[in-house]
């Protein structure tokens, strides 16, 4: 009888160990998937910012060919400085 009790306890211990290892593996997998999702989301956001900046630069080139007034170039320079700061801030995060 004692041998059967020891086998049952040993099986329960092995089952508990296996279950905890499976749970830890699942937690680790979820953590990796969440980190990958965050990385992909940041890359997606950055690509959309770059597309917007490129479109703005193209539109600005069209605008500067139409108007060369000093006030327009001052506004353009200030806006470019702001965009550079925003992009640097996005990339540093």
N, C-alpha and C. Protein backbone atom coordinates (compact mmCIF):
# COMPACT_ATOMS: atom_id res chain seq x y z
N UNK A 1 0.81 -1.19 0.00
CA UNK A 1 0.00 0.00 0.00
C UNK A 1 0.87 1.27 0.00
N UNK A 2 1.94 1.24 0.76
CA UNK A 2 2.83 2.39 0.84
C UNK A 2 3.45 2.68 -0.53
N UNK A 3 3.76 1.66 -1.28
CA UNK A 3 4.34 1.82 -2.61
C UNK A 3 3.34 2.51 -3.56
N UNK A 4 2.08 2.14 -3.46
CA UNK A 4 1.05 2.77 -4.29
C UNK A 4 0.90 4.24 -3.92
N UNK A 5 0.89 4.54 -2.62
CA UNK A 5 0.79 5.94 -2.18
C UNK A 5 1.97 6.77 -2.68
N UNK A 6 3.17 6.20 -2.63
CA UNK A 6 4.35 6.91 -3.12
C UNK A 6 4.25 7.15 -4.63
N UNK A 7 3.74 6.17 -5.36
CA UNK A 7 3.59 6.33 -6.81
C UNK A 7 2.55 7.41 -7.13
N UNK A 8 1.46 7.44 -6.39
CA UNK A 8 0.43 8.45 -6.62
C UNK A 8 0.99 9.84 -6.31
N UNK A 9 1.68 9.97 -5.21
CA UNK A 9 2.28 11.27 -4.86
C UNK A 9 3.33 11.70 -5.89
N UNK A 10 4.12 10.75 -6.34
CA UNK A 10 5.14 11.04 -7.35
C UNK A 10 4.48 11.47 -8.66
N UNK A 11 3.40 10.81 -9.05
CA UNK A 11 2.68 11.19 -10.27
C UNK A 11 2.07 12.59 -10.14
N UNK A 12 1.51 12.88 -8.97
CA UNK A 12 0.94 14.22 -8.76
C UNK A 12 2.03 15.29 -8.83
N UNK A 13 3.17 15.01 -8.25
CA UNK A 13 4.29 15.95 -8.28
C UNK A 13 4.77 16.17 -9.72
N UNK A 14 4.88 15.09 -10.47
CA UNK A 14 5.31 15.19 -11.86
C UNK A 14 4.29 15.97 -12.69
N UNK A 15 3.00 15.73 -12.44
CA UNK A 15 1.95 16.44 -13.14
C UNK A 15 2.00 17.94 -12.81
N UNK A 16 2.20 18.27 -11.56
CA UNK A 16 2.29 19.68 -11.15
C UNK A 16 3.50 20.35 -11.79
N UNK A 17 4.63 19.65 -11.83
CA UNK A 17 5.83 20.20 -12.48
C UNK A 17 5.59 20.43 -13.97
N UNK A 18 4.99 19.45 -14.62
CA UNK A 18 4.71 19.57 -16.05
C UNK A 18 3.75 20.74 -16.32
N UNK A 19 2.73 20.84 -15.51
CA UNK A 19 1.75 21.91 -15.69
C UNK A 19 2.41 23.28 -15.48
N UNK A 20 3.25 23.41 -14.48
CA UNK A 20 3.91 24.70 -14.25
C UNK A 20 4.87 25.04 -15.39
N UNK A 21 5.57 24.03 -15.93
CA UNK A 21 6.47 24.30 -17.07
C UNK A 21 5.68 24.73 -18.30
N UNK A 22 4.54 24.10 -18.53
CA UNK A 22 3.69 24.48 -19.66
C UNK A 22 3.15 25.90 -19.49
N UNK A 23 2.73 26.24 -18.29
CA UNK A 23 2.23 27.59 -18.03
C UNK A 23 3.33 28.64 -18.21
N UNK A 24 4.52 28.34 -17.72
CA UNK A 24 5.63 29.28 -17.88
C UNK A 24 5.99 29.45 -19.35
N UNK A 25 5.95 28.35 -20.10
CA UNK A 25 6.21 28.43 -21.54
C UNK A 25 5.17 29.28 -22.25
N UNK A 26 3.91 29.12 -21.85
CA UNK A 26 2.83 29.90 -22.45
C UNK A 26 2.97 31.39 -22.12
N UNK A 27 3.33 31.69 -20.89
CA UNK A 27 3.55 33.09 -20.48
C UNK A 27 4.71 33.70 -21.27
N UNK A 28 5.78 32.94 -21.43
CA UNK A 28 6.94 33.43 -22.18
C UNK A 28 6.58 33.67 -23.64
N UNK A 29 5.79 32.77 -24.23
CA UNK A 29 5.37 32.92 -25.61
C UNK A 29 4.49 34.16 -25.78
N UNK A 30 3.57 34.38 -24.84
CA UNK A 30 2.71 35.56 -24.89
C UNK A 30 3.53 36.85 -24.77
N UNK A 31 4.55 36.82 -23.91
CA UNK A 31 5.41 38.00 -23.75
C UNK A 31 6.16 38.30 -25.04
N UNK A 32 6.69 37.26 -25.69
CA UNK A 32 7.41 37.46 -26.94
C UNK A 32 6.49 37.97 -28.05
N UNK A 33 5.27 37.42 -28.12
CA UNK A 33 4.31 37.86 -29.13
C UNK A 33 3.91 39.32 -28.91
N UNK A 34 3.71 39.70 -27.66
CA UNK A 34 3.35 41.08 -27.36
C UNK A 34 4.49 42.03 -27.72
N UNK A 35 5.72 41.63 -27.43
CA UNK A 35 6.87 42.47 -27.77
C UNK A 35 7.00 42.61 -29.29
N UNK A 36 6.78 41.51 -30.02
CA UNK A 36 6.84 41.57 -31.48
C UNK A 36 5.75 42.47 -32.03
N UNK A 37 4.56 42.39 -31.43
CA UNK A 37 3.45 43.24 -31.86
C UNK A 37 3.79 44.71 -31.65
N UNK A 38 4.37 45.04 -30.51
CA UNK A 38 4.74 46.43 -30.23
C UNK A 38 5.80 46.92 -31.22
N UNK A 39 6.77 46.06 -31.52
CA UNK A 39 7.82 46.42 -32.47
C UNK A 39 7.23 46.68 -33.85
N UNK A 40 6.33 45.79 -34.29
CA UNK A 40 5.69 45.96 -35.59
C UNK A 40 4.82 47.22 -35.62
N UNK A 41 4.13 47.50 -34.54
CA UNK A 41 3.27 48.68 -34.46
C UNK A 41 4.12 49.95 -34.54
N UNK A 42 5.24 49.98 -33.84
CA UNK A 42 6.12 51.15 -33.90
C UNK A 42 6.67 51.35 -35.31
N UNK A 43 7.04 50.25 -35.97
CA UNK A 43 7.54 50.35 -37.35
C UNK A 43 6.45 50.86 -38.28
N UNK A 44 5.23 50.39 -38.07
CA UNK A 44 4.10 50.84 -38.89
C UNK A 44 3.84 52.33 -38.70
N UNK A 45 3.87 52.78 -37.45
CA UNK A 45 3.66 54.21 -37.17
C UNK A 45 4.75 55.05 -37.80
N UNK A 46 6.00 54.60 -37.68
CA UNK A 46 7.11 55.36 -38.25
C UNK A 46 7.00 55.43 -39.76
N UNK A 47 6.59 54.34 -40.39
CA UNK A 47 6.46 54.36 -41.85
C UNK A 47 5.38 55.33 -42.28
N UNK A 48 4.29 55.43 -41.51
CA UNK A 48 3.24 56.38 -41.87
C UNK A 48 3.70 57.82 -41.68
N UNK A 49 4.53 58.06 -40.68
CA UNK A 49 5.08 59.41 -40.48
C UNK A 49 5.99 59.76 -41.65
N UNK A 50 6.82 58.81 -42.07
CA UNK A 50 7.74 59.06 -43.18
C UNK A 50 6.98 59.30 -44.48
N UNK A 51 5.90 58.56 -44.70
CA UNK A 51 5.08 58.78 -45.90
C UNK A 51 4.48 60.18 -45.88
N UNK A 52 3.98 60.59 -44.72
CA UNK A 52 3.38 61.93 -44.60
C UNK A 52 4.43 63.01 -44.84
N UNK A 53 5.62 62.82 -44.30
CA UNK A 53 6.69 63.81 -44.50
C UNK A 53 7.09 63.88 -45.96
N UNK A 54 7.21 62.71 -46.61
CA UNK A 54 7.57 62.71 -48.03
C UNK A 54 6.50 63.39 -48.87
N UNK A 55 5.24 63.14 -48.56
CA UNK A 55 4.16 63.79 -49.29
C UNK A 55 4.19 65.30 -49.05
N UNK A 56 4.45 65.69 -47.82
CA UNK A 56 4.53 67.12 -47.52
C UNK A 56 5.69 67.76 -48.29
N UNK A 57 6.84 67.07 -48.33
CA UNK A 57 7.98 67.62 -49.05
C UNK A 57 7.65 67.78 -50.53
N UNK A 58 6.96 66.80 -51.10
CA UNK A 58 6.57 66.89 -52.51
C UNK A 58 5.62 68.06 -52.72
N UNK A 59 4.60 68.16 -51.85
CA UNK A 59 3.66 69.28 -51.96
C UNK A 59 4.37 70.61 -51.77
N UNK A 60 5.34 70.64 -50.88
CA UNK A 60 6.07 71.88 -50.63
C UNK A 60 6.91 72.28 -51.83
N UNK A 61 7.49 71.28 -52.51
CA UNK A 61 8.25 71.59 -53.72
C UNK A 61 7.34 72.19 -54.78
N UNK A 62 6.14 71.67 -54.90
CA UNK A 62 5.19 72.24 -55.85
C UNK A 62 4.82 73.66 -55.44
N UNK A 63 4.66 73.87 -54.15
CA UNK A 63 4.29 75.19 -53.64
C UNK A 63 5.41 76.20 -53.87
N UNK A 64 6.67 75.79 -53.61
CA UNK A 64 7.78 76.73 -53.73
C UNK A 64 8.02 77.10 -55.19
N UNK A 65 7.65 76.22 -56.12
CA UNK A 65 7.82 76.59 -57.52
C UNK A 65 6.81 77.67 -57.92
N UNK A 66 5.69 77.75 -57.19
CA UNK A 66 4.67 78.74 -57.48
C UNK A 66 4.98 80.05 -56.76
N UNK A 67 5.38 79.97 -55.50
CA UNK A 67 5.57 81.17 -54.70
C UNK A 67 6.96 81.16 -54.09
N UNK A 68 7.72 82.22 -54.32
CA UNK A 68 9.06 82.32 -53.75
C UNK A 68 9.17 83.49 -52.78
N UNK A 69 8.09 83.87 -52.16
CA UNK A 69 8.13 85.01 -51.25
C UNK A 69 8.95 84.65 -50.01
N UNK A 70 9.62 85.63 -49.40
CA UNK A 70 10.44 85.34 -48.21
C UNK A 70 9.62 84.78 -47.06
N UNK A 71 8.42 85.23 -46.91
CA UNK A 71 7.63 84.71 -45.79
C UNK A 71 7.30 83.22 -45.97
N UNK A 72 7.08 82.79 -47.20
CA UNK A 72 6.79 81.38 -47.45
C UNK A 72 8.02 80.52 -47.13
N UNK A 73 9.21 80.99 -47.49
CA UNK A 73 10.41 80.20 -47.20
C UNK A 73 10.69 80.16 -45.70
N UNK A 74 10.39 81.25 -45.00
CA UNK A 74 10.56 81.24 -43.54
C UNK A 74 9.63 80.22 -42.90
N UNK A 75 8.39 80.20 -43.35
CA UNK A 75 7.43 79.23 -42.81
C UNK A 75 7.88 77.81 -43.14
N UNK A 76 8.37 77.61 -44.35
CA UNK A 76 8.85 76.28 -44.76
C UNK A 76 10.00 75.83 -43.87
N UNK A 77 10.96 76.71 -43.61
CA UNK A 77 12.11 76.34 -42.78
C UNK A 77 11.69 75.99 -41.35
N UNK A 78 10.80 76.76 -40.80
CA UNK A 78 10.31 76.48 -39.44
C UNK A 78 9.59 75.15 -39.41
N UNK A 79 8.76 74.90 -40.42
CA UNK A 79 8.01 73.64 -40.45
C UNK A 79 8.96 72.44 -40.59
N UNK A 80 9.98 72.56 -41.42
CA UNK A 80 10.95 71.47 -41.55
C UNK A 80 11.68 71.20 -40.24
N UNK A 81 12.02 72.26 -39.53
CA UNK A 81 12.69 72.08 -38.24
C UNK A 81 11.78 71.33 -37.26
N UNK A 82 10.50 71.68 -37.27
CA UNK A 82 9.55 70.99 -36.39
C UNK A 82 9.42 69.53 -36.79
N UNK A 83 9.34 69.26 -38.09
CA UNK A 83 9.23 67.87 -38.55
C UNK A 83 10.46 67.04 -38.17
N UNK A 84 11.62 67.64 -38.29
CA UNK A 84 12.85 66.93 -37.92
C UNK A 84 12.82 66.58 -36.43
N UNK A 85 12.40 67.52 -35.61
CA UNK A 85 12.32 67.26 -34.17
C UNK A 85 11.31 66.17 -33.86
N UNK A 86 10.16 66.18 -34.54
CA UNK A 86 9.15 65.15 -34.32
C UNK A 86 9.68 63.78 -34.73
N UNK A 87 10.33 63.70 -35.88
CA UNK A 87 10.88 62.42 -36.33
C UNK A 87 11.97 61.91 -35.40
N UNK A 88 12.82 62.79 -34.94
CA UNK A 88 13.86 62.38 -34.00
C UNK A 88 13.24 61.86 -32.71
N UNK A 89 12.20 62.51 -32.25
CA UNK A 89 11.51 62.07 -31.04
C UNK A 89 10.87 60.71 -31.25
N UNK A 90 10.23 60.49 -32.39
CA UNK A 90 9.60 59.20 -32.70
C UNK A 90 10.63 58.09 -32.78
N UNK A 91 11.75 58.37 -33.40
CA UNK A 91 12.78 57.32 -33.56
C UNK A 91 13.48 57.00 -32.26
N UNK A 92 13.55 57.97 -31.35
CA UNK A 92 14.23 57.72 -30.07
C UNK A 92 13.38 56.89 -29.13
N UNK A 93 12.06 56.82 -29.38
CA UNK A 93 11.17 56.05 -28.50
C UNK A 93 11.25 54.64 -28.81
